[in-house]
Amino acid sequence: MAEKLLIVMVNTDPSNPTELGAPFFQATVAAAMEYEVEIVFTGRAGELAKKGVAENIFLEENGRRSIYEYIRDAHEAGVRFKVCTPTLDLWGHDLIPEIEETVGGAYVISEAMDDETVTFTY
């Protein structure tokens, strides 16, 4: 049985908040279940790694909790956040503090191909 969950957020559009809840909820639950969990931001979704973006996106229309709060919850549960190198060219280097590492495409591929890892993409 796999011990790691890799969530690659690549196609999730930050301008459509209804797409953003599931990856963070699932990551938080998996971490609470004591799985190793990583979220890698890349492509369009990489904008969420930029300071000031997730703080201004709200899942609910009433704006009670920002997407950044869901990111913090996941991080506090043990989820590790990474950003793919090309994303920095798109969105800049001013990243939220939860980003622990910058990785390349080879990292994502090697982790996704590992038998001990289950990969979800959003």
C-alpha atoms as a PDB file:
ATOM      1  CA  MET A   1       0.000   0.000   0.000  1.00  0.00           C
ATOM      2  CA  ALA A   2       1.256   3.464  -0.876  1.00  0.00           C
ATOM      3  CA  GLU A   3       2.382   5.695   1.982  1.00  0.00           C
ATOM      4  CA  LYS A   4       2.539   8.986   0.117  1.00  0.00           C
ATOM      5  CA  LEU A   5      -0.002  11.214  -1.622  1.00  0.00           C
ATOM      6  CA  LEU A   6       1.330  13.621  -4.232  1.00  0.00           C
ATOM      7  CA  ILE A   7      -1.119  16.289  -5.336  1.00  0.00           C
ATOM      8  CA  VAL A   8      -0.067  18.180  -8.446  1.00  0.00           C
ATOM      9  CA  MET A   9      -2.030  21.377  -8.890  1.00  0.00           C
ATOM     10  CA  VAL A  10      -1.500  22.386 -12.511  1.00  0.00           C
ATOM     11  CA  ASN A  11      -4.835  23.042 -14.226  1.00  0.00           C
ATOM     12  CA  THR A  12      -6.808  24.401 -11.303  1.00  0.00           C
ATOM     13  CA  ASP A  13      -7.785  27.972 -12.113  1.00  0.00           C
ATOM     14  CA  PRO A  14      -7.507  30.358  -9.157  1.00  0.00           C
ATOM     15  CA  SER A  15     -10.175  32.553 -10.754  1.00  0.00           C
ATOM     16  CA  ASN A  16     -12.681  29.714 -10.179  1.00  0.00           C
ATOM     17  CA  PRO A  17     -12.659  29.204  -6.387  1.00  0.00           C
ATOM     18  CA  THR A  18     -15.028  26.218  -6.517  1.00  0.00           C
ATOM     19  CA  GLU A  19     -12.134  24.216  -8.010  1.00  0.00           C
ATOM     20  CA  LEU A  20      -9.835  24.949  -5.086  1.00  0.00           C
ATOM     21  CA  GLY A  21     -11.416  23.276  -2.082  1.00  0.00           C
ATOM     22  CA  ALA A  22     -11.024  19.576  -2.858  1.00  0.00           C
ATOM     23  CA  PRO A  23      -7.221  19.410  -3.185  1.00  0.00           C
ATOM     24  CA  PHE A  24      -6.644  21.146   0.147  1.00  0.00           C
ATOM     25  CA  PHE A  25      -9.385  19.219   1.956  1.00  0.00           C
ATOM     26  CA  GLN A  26      -8.090  15.880   0.663  1.00  0.00           C
ATOM     27  CA  ALA A  27      -4.496  16.763   1.495  1.00  0.00           C
ATOM     28  CA  THR A  28      -5.433  17.753   5.042  1.00  0.00           C
ATOM     29  CA  VAL A  29      -7.428  14.554   5.591  1.00  0.00           C
ATOM     30  CA  ALA A  30      -4.617  12.379   4.201  1.00  0.00           C
ATOM     31  CA  ALA A  31      -2.080  14.096   6.476  1.00  0.00           C
ATOM     32  CA  ALA A  32      -4.394  13.573   9.458  1.00  0.00           C
ATOM     33  CA  MET A  33      -4.482   9.892   8.481  1.00  0.00           C
ATOM     34  CA  GLU A  34      -0.677   9.973   8.835  1.00  0.00           C
ATOM     35  CA  TYR A  35       0.169   9.706   5.151  1.00  0.00           C
ATOM     36  CA  GLU A  36       3.054  11.704   3.782  1.00  0.00           C
ATOM     37  CA  VAL A  37       1.455  14.416   1.650  1.00  0.00           C
ATOM     38  CA  GLU A  38       2.925  16.907  -0.803  1.00  0.00           C
ATOM     39  CA  ILE A  39       1.239  19.514  -2.935  1.00  0.00           C
ATOM     40  CA  VAL A  40       3.190  20.817  -5.915  1.00  0.00           C
ATOM     41  CA  PHE A  41       2.000  24.058  -7.490  1.00  0.00           C
ATOM     42  CA  THR A  42       2.737  24.461 -11.181  1.00  0.00           C
ATOM     43  CA  GLY A  43       1.220  25.981 -14.313  1.00  0.00           C
ATOM     44  CA  ARG A  44      -1.908  28.086 -13.851  1.00  0.00           C
ATOM     45  CA  ALA A  45      -2.386  26.893 -10.281  1.00  0.00           C
ATOM     46  CA  GLY A  46       1.122  28.072  -9.443  1.00  0.00           C
ATOM     47  CA  GLU A  47      -0.263  31.552  -8.916  1.00  0.00           C
ATOM     48  CA  LEU A  48      -1.597  30.301  -5.557  1.00  0.00           C
ATOM     49  CA  ALA A  49       1.997  30.095  -4.302  1.00  0.00           C
ATOM     50  CA  LYS A  50       2.452  33.837  -4.808  1.00  0.00           C
ATOM     51  CA  LYS A  51       2.002  36.018  -1.724  1.00  0.00           C
ATOM     52  CA  GLY A  52      -1.270  37.930  -1.739  1.00  0.00           C
ATOM     53  CA  VAL A  53      -3.138  35.705  -4.201  1.00  0.00           C
ATOM     54  CA  ALA A  54      -4.664  32.915  -2.089  1.00  0.00           C
ATOM     55  CA  GLU A  55      -5.349  35.434   0.688  1.00  0.00           C
ATOM     56  CA  ASN A  56      -7.813  37.190  -1.619  1.00  0.00           C
ATOM     57  CA  ILE A  57      -9.671  34.141  -2.936  1.00  0.00           C
ATOM     58  CA  PHE A  58     -12.633  32.786  -0.987  1.00  0.00           C
ATOM     59  CA  LEU A  59     -14.242  29.384  -1.420  1.00  0.00           C
ATOM     60  CA  GLU A  60     -17.574  30.568  -0.085  1.00  0.00           C
ATOM     61  CA  GLU A  61     -19.393  33.578  -1.491  1.00  0.00           C
ATOM     62  CA  ASN A  62     -19.669  35.178   1.936  1.00  0.00           C
ATOM     63  CA  GLY A  63     -15.875  35.296   2.158  1.00  0.00           C
ATOM     64  CA  ARG A  64     -15.471  33.851   5.634  1.00  0.00           C
ATOM     65  CA  ARG A  65     -12.255  31.912   4.964  1.00  0.00           C
ATOM     66  CA  SER A  66      -9.669  32.533   2.301  1.00  0.00           C
ATOM     67  CA  ILE A  67      -8.001  29.796   0.283  1.00  0.00           C
ATOM     68  CA  TYR A  68      -4.818  30.763   2.076  1.00  0.00           C
ATOM     69  CA  GLU A  69      -6.426  29.694   5.357  1.00  0.00           C
ATOM     70  CA  TYR A  70      -7.079  26.266   3.829  1.00  0.00           C
ATOM     71  CA  ILE A  71      -3.432  26.141   2.729  1.00  0.00           C
ATOM     72  CA  ARG A  72      -2.332  26.992   6.278  1.00  0.00           C
ATOM     73  CA  ASP A  73      -4.636  24.323   7.726  1.00  0.00           C
ATOM     74  CA  ALA A  74      -3.141  21.730   5.400  1.00  0.00           C
ATOM     75  CA  HIS A  75       0.391  22.829   6.250  1.00  0.00           C
ATOM     76  CA  GLU A  76      -0.340  22.650   9.976  1.00  0.00           C
ATOM     77  CA  ALA A  77      -1.667  19.103   9.443  1.00  0.00           C
ATOM     78  CA  GLY A  78       1.691  18.164   7.915  1.00  0.00           C
ATOM     79  CA  VAL A  79       1.231  18.764   4.193  1.00  0.00           C
ATOM     80  CA  ARG A  80       4.435  19.899   2.488  1.00  0.00           C
ATOM     81  CA  PHE A  81       4.126  22.519  -0.248  1.00  0.00           C
ATOM     82  CA  LYS A  82       6.449  22.838  -3.214  1.00  0.00           C
ATOM     83  CA  VAL A  83       6.500  24.949  -6.346  1.00  0.00           C
ATOM     84  CA  CYS A  84       7.765  23.901  -9.757  1.00  0.00           C
ATOM     85  CA  THR A  85      10.648  25.993 -11.113  1.00  0.00           C
ATOM     86  CA  PRO A  86       8.929  27.255 -14.315  1.00  0.00           C
ATOM     87  CA  THR A  87       6.122  28.599 -12.159  1.00  0.00           C
ATOM     88  CA  LEU A  88       8.499  31.176 -10.722  1.00  0.00           C
ATOM     89  CA  ASP A  89       9.001  32.592 -14.230  1.00  0.00           C
ATOM     90  CA  LEU A  90       5.232  32.978 -14.586  1.00  0.00           C
ATOM     91  CA  TRP A  91       4.263  34.304 -11.177  1.00  0.00           C
ATOM     92  CA  GLY A  92       7.462  35.555  -9.527  1.00  0.00           C
ATOM     93  CA  HIS A  93       9.563  34.637  -6.529  1.00  0.00           C
ATOM     94  CA  ASP A  94       7.563  36.291  -3.723  1.00  0.00           C
ATOM     95  CA  LEU A  95       6.099  33.073  -2.302  1.00  0.00           C
ATOM     96  CA  ILE A  96       3.889  32.233   0.650  1.00  0.00           C
ATOM     97  CA  PRO A  97       5.933  30.957   3.622  1.00  0.00           C
ATOM     98  CA  GLU A  98       4.394  27.480   3.392  1.00  0.00           C
ATOM     99  CA  ILE A  99       6.403  26.760   0.222  1.00  0.00           C
ATOM    100  CA  GLU A 100       9.264  24.591   1.444  1.00  0.00           C
ATOM    101  CA  GLU A 101      11.065  23.843  -1.786  1.00  0.00           C
ATOM    102  CA  THR A 102      11.371  24.605  -5.483  1.00  0.00           C
ATOM    103  CA  VAL A 103      11.401  21.469  -7.648  1.00  0.00           C
ATOM    104  CA  GLY A 104      11.674  20.677 -11.332  1.00  0.00           C
ATOM    105  CA  GLY A 105       9.671  18.505 -13.672  1.00  0.00           C
ATOM    106  CA  ALA A 106      11.993  15.549 -13.104  1.00  0.00           C
ATOM    107  CA  TYR A 107      11.091  15.584  -9.392  1.00  0.00           C
ATOM    108  CA  VAL A 108       7.365  15.492 -10.140  1.00  0.00           C
ATOM    109  CA  ILE A 109       7.787  12.655 -12.642  1.00  0.00           C
ATOM    110  CA  SER A 110      10.035  10.574 -10.373  1.00  0.00           C
ATOM    111  CA  GLU A 111       7.652  10.964  -7.423  1.00  0.00           C
ATOM    112  CA  ALA A 112       4.587  10.172  -9.545  1.00  0.00           C
ATOM    113  CA  MET A 113       6.265   7.026 -10.902  1.00  0.00           C
ATOM    114  CA  ASP A 114       7.230   5.736  -7.442  1.00  0.00           C
ATOM    115  CA  ASP A 115       5.257   2.637  -6.407  1.00  0.00           C
ATOM    116  CA  GLU A 116       4.873   4.040  -2.891  1.00  0.00           C
ATOM    117  CA  THR A 117       3.140   7.198  -4.144  1.00  0.00           C
ATOM    118  CA  VAL A 118      -0.425   7.838  -5.261  1.00  0.00           C
ATOM    119  CA  THR A 119      -0.750  10.928  -7.450  1.00  0.00           C
ATOM    120  CA  PHE A 120      -3.801  13.164  -7.806  1.00  0.00           C
ATOM    121  CA  THR A 121      -3.854  16.020 -10.280  1.00  0.00           C
ATOM    122  CA  TYR A 122      -6.074  19.063 -10.229  1.00  0.00           C
END
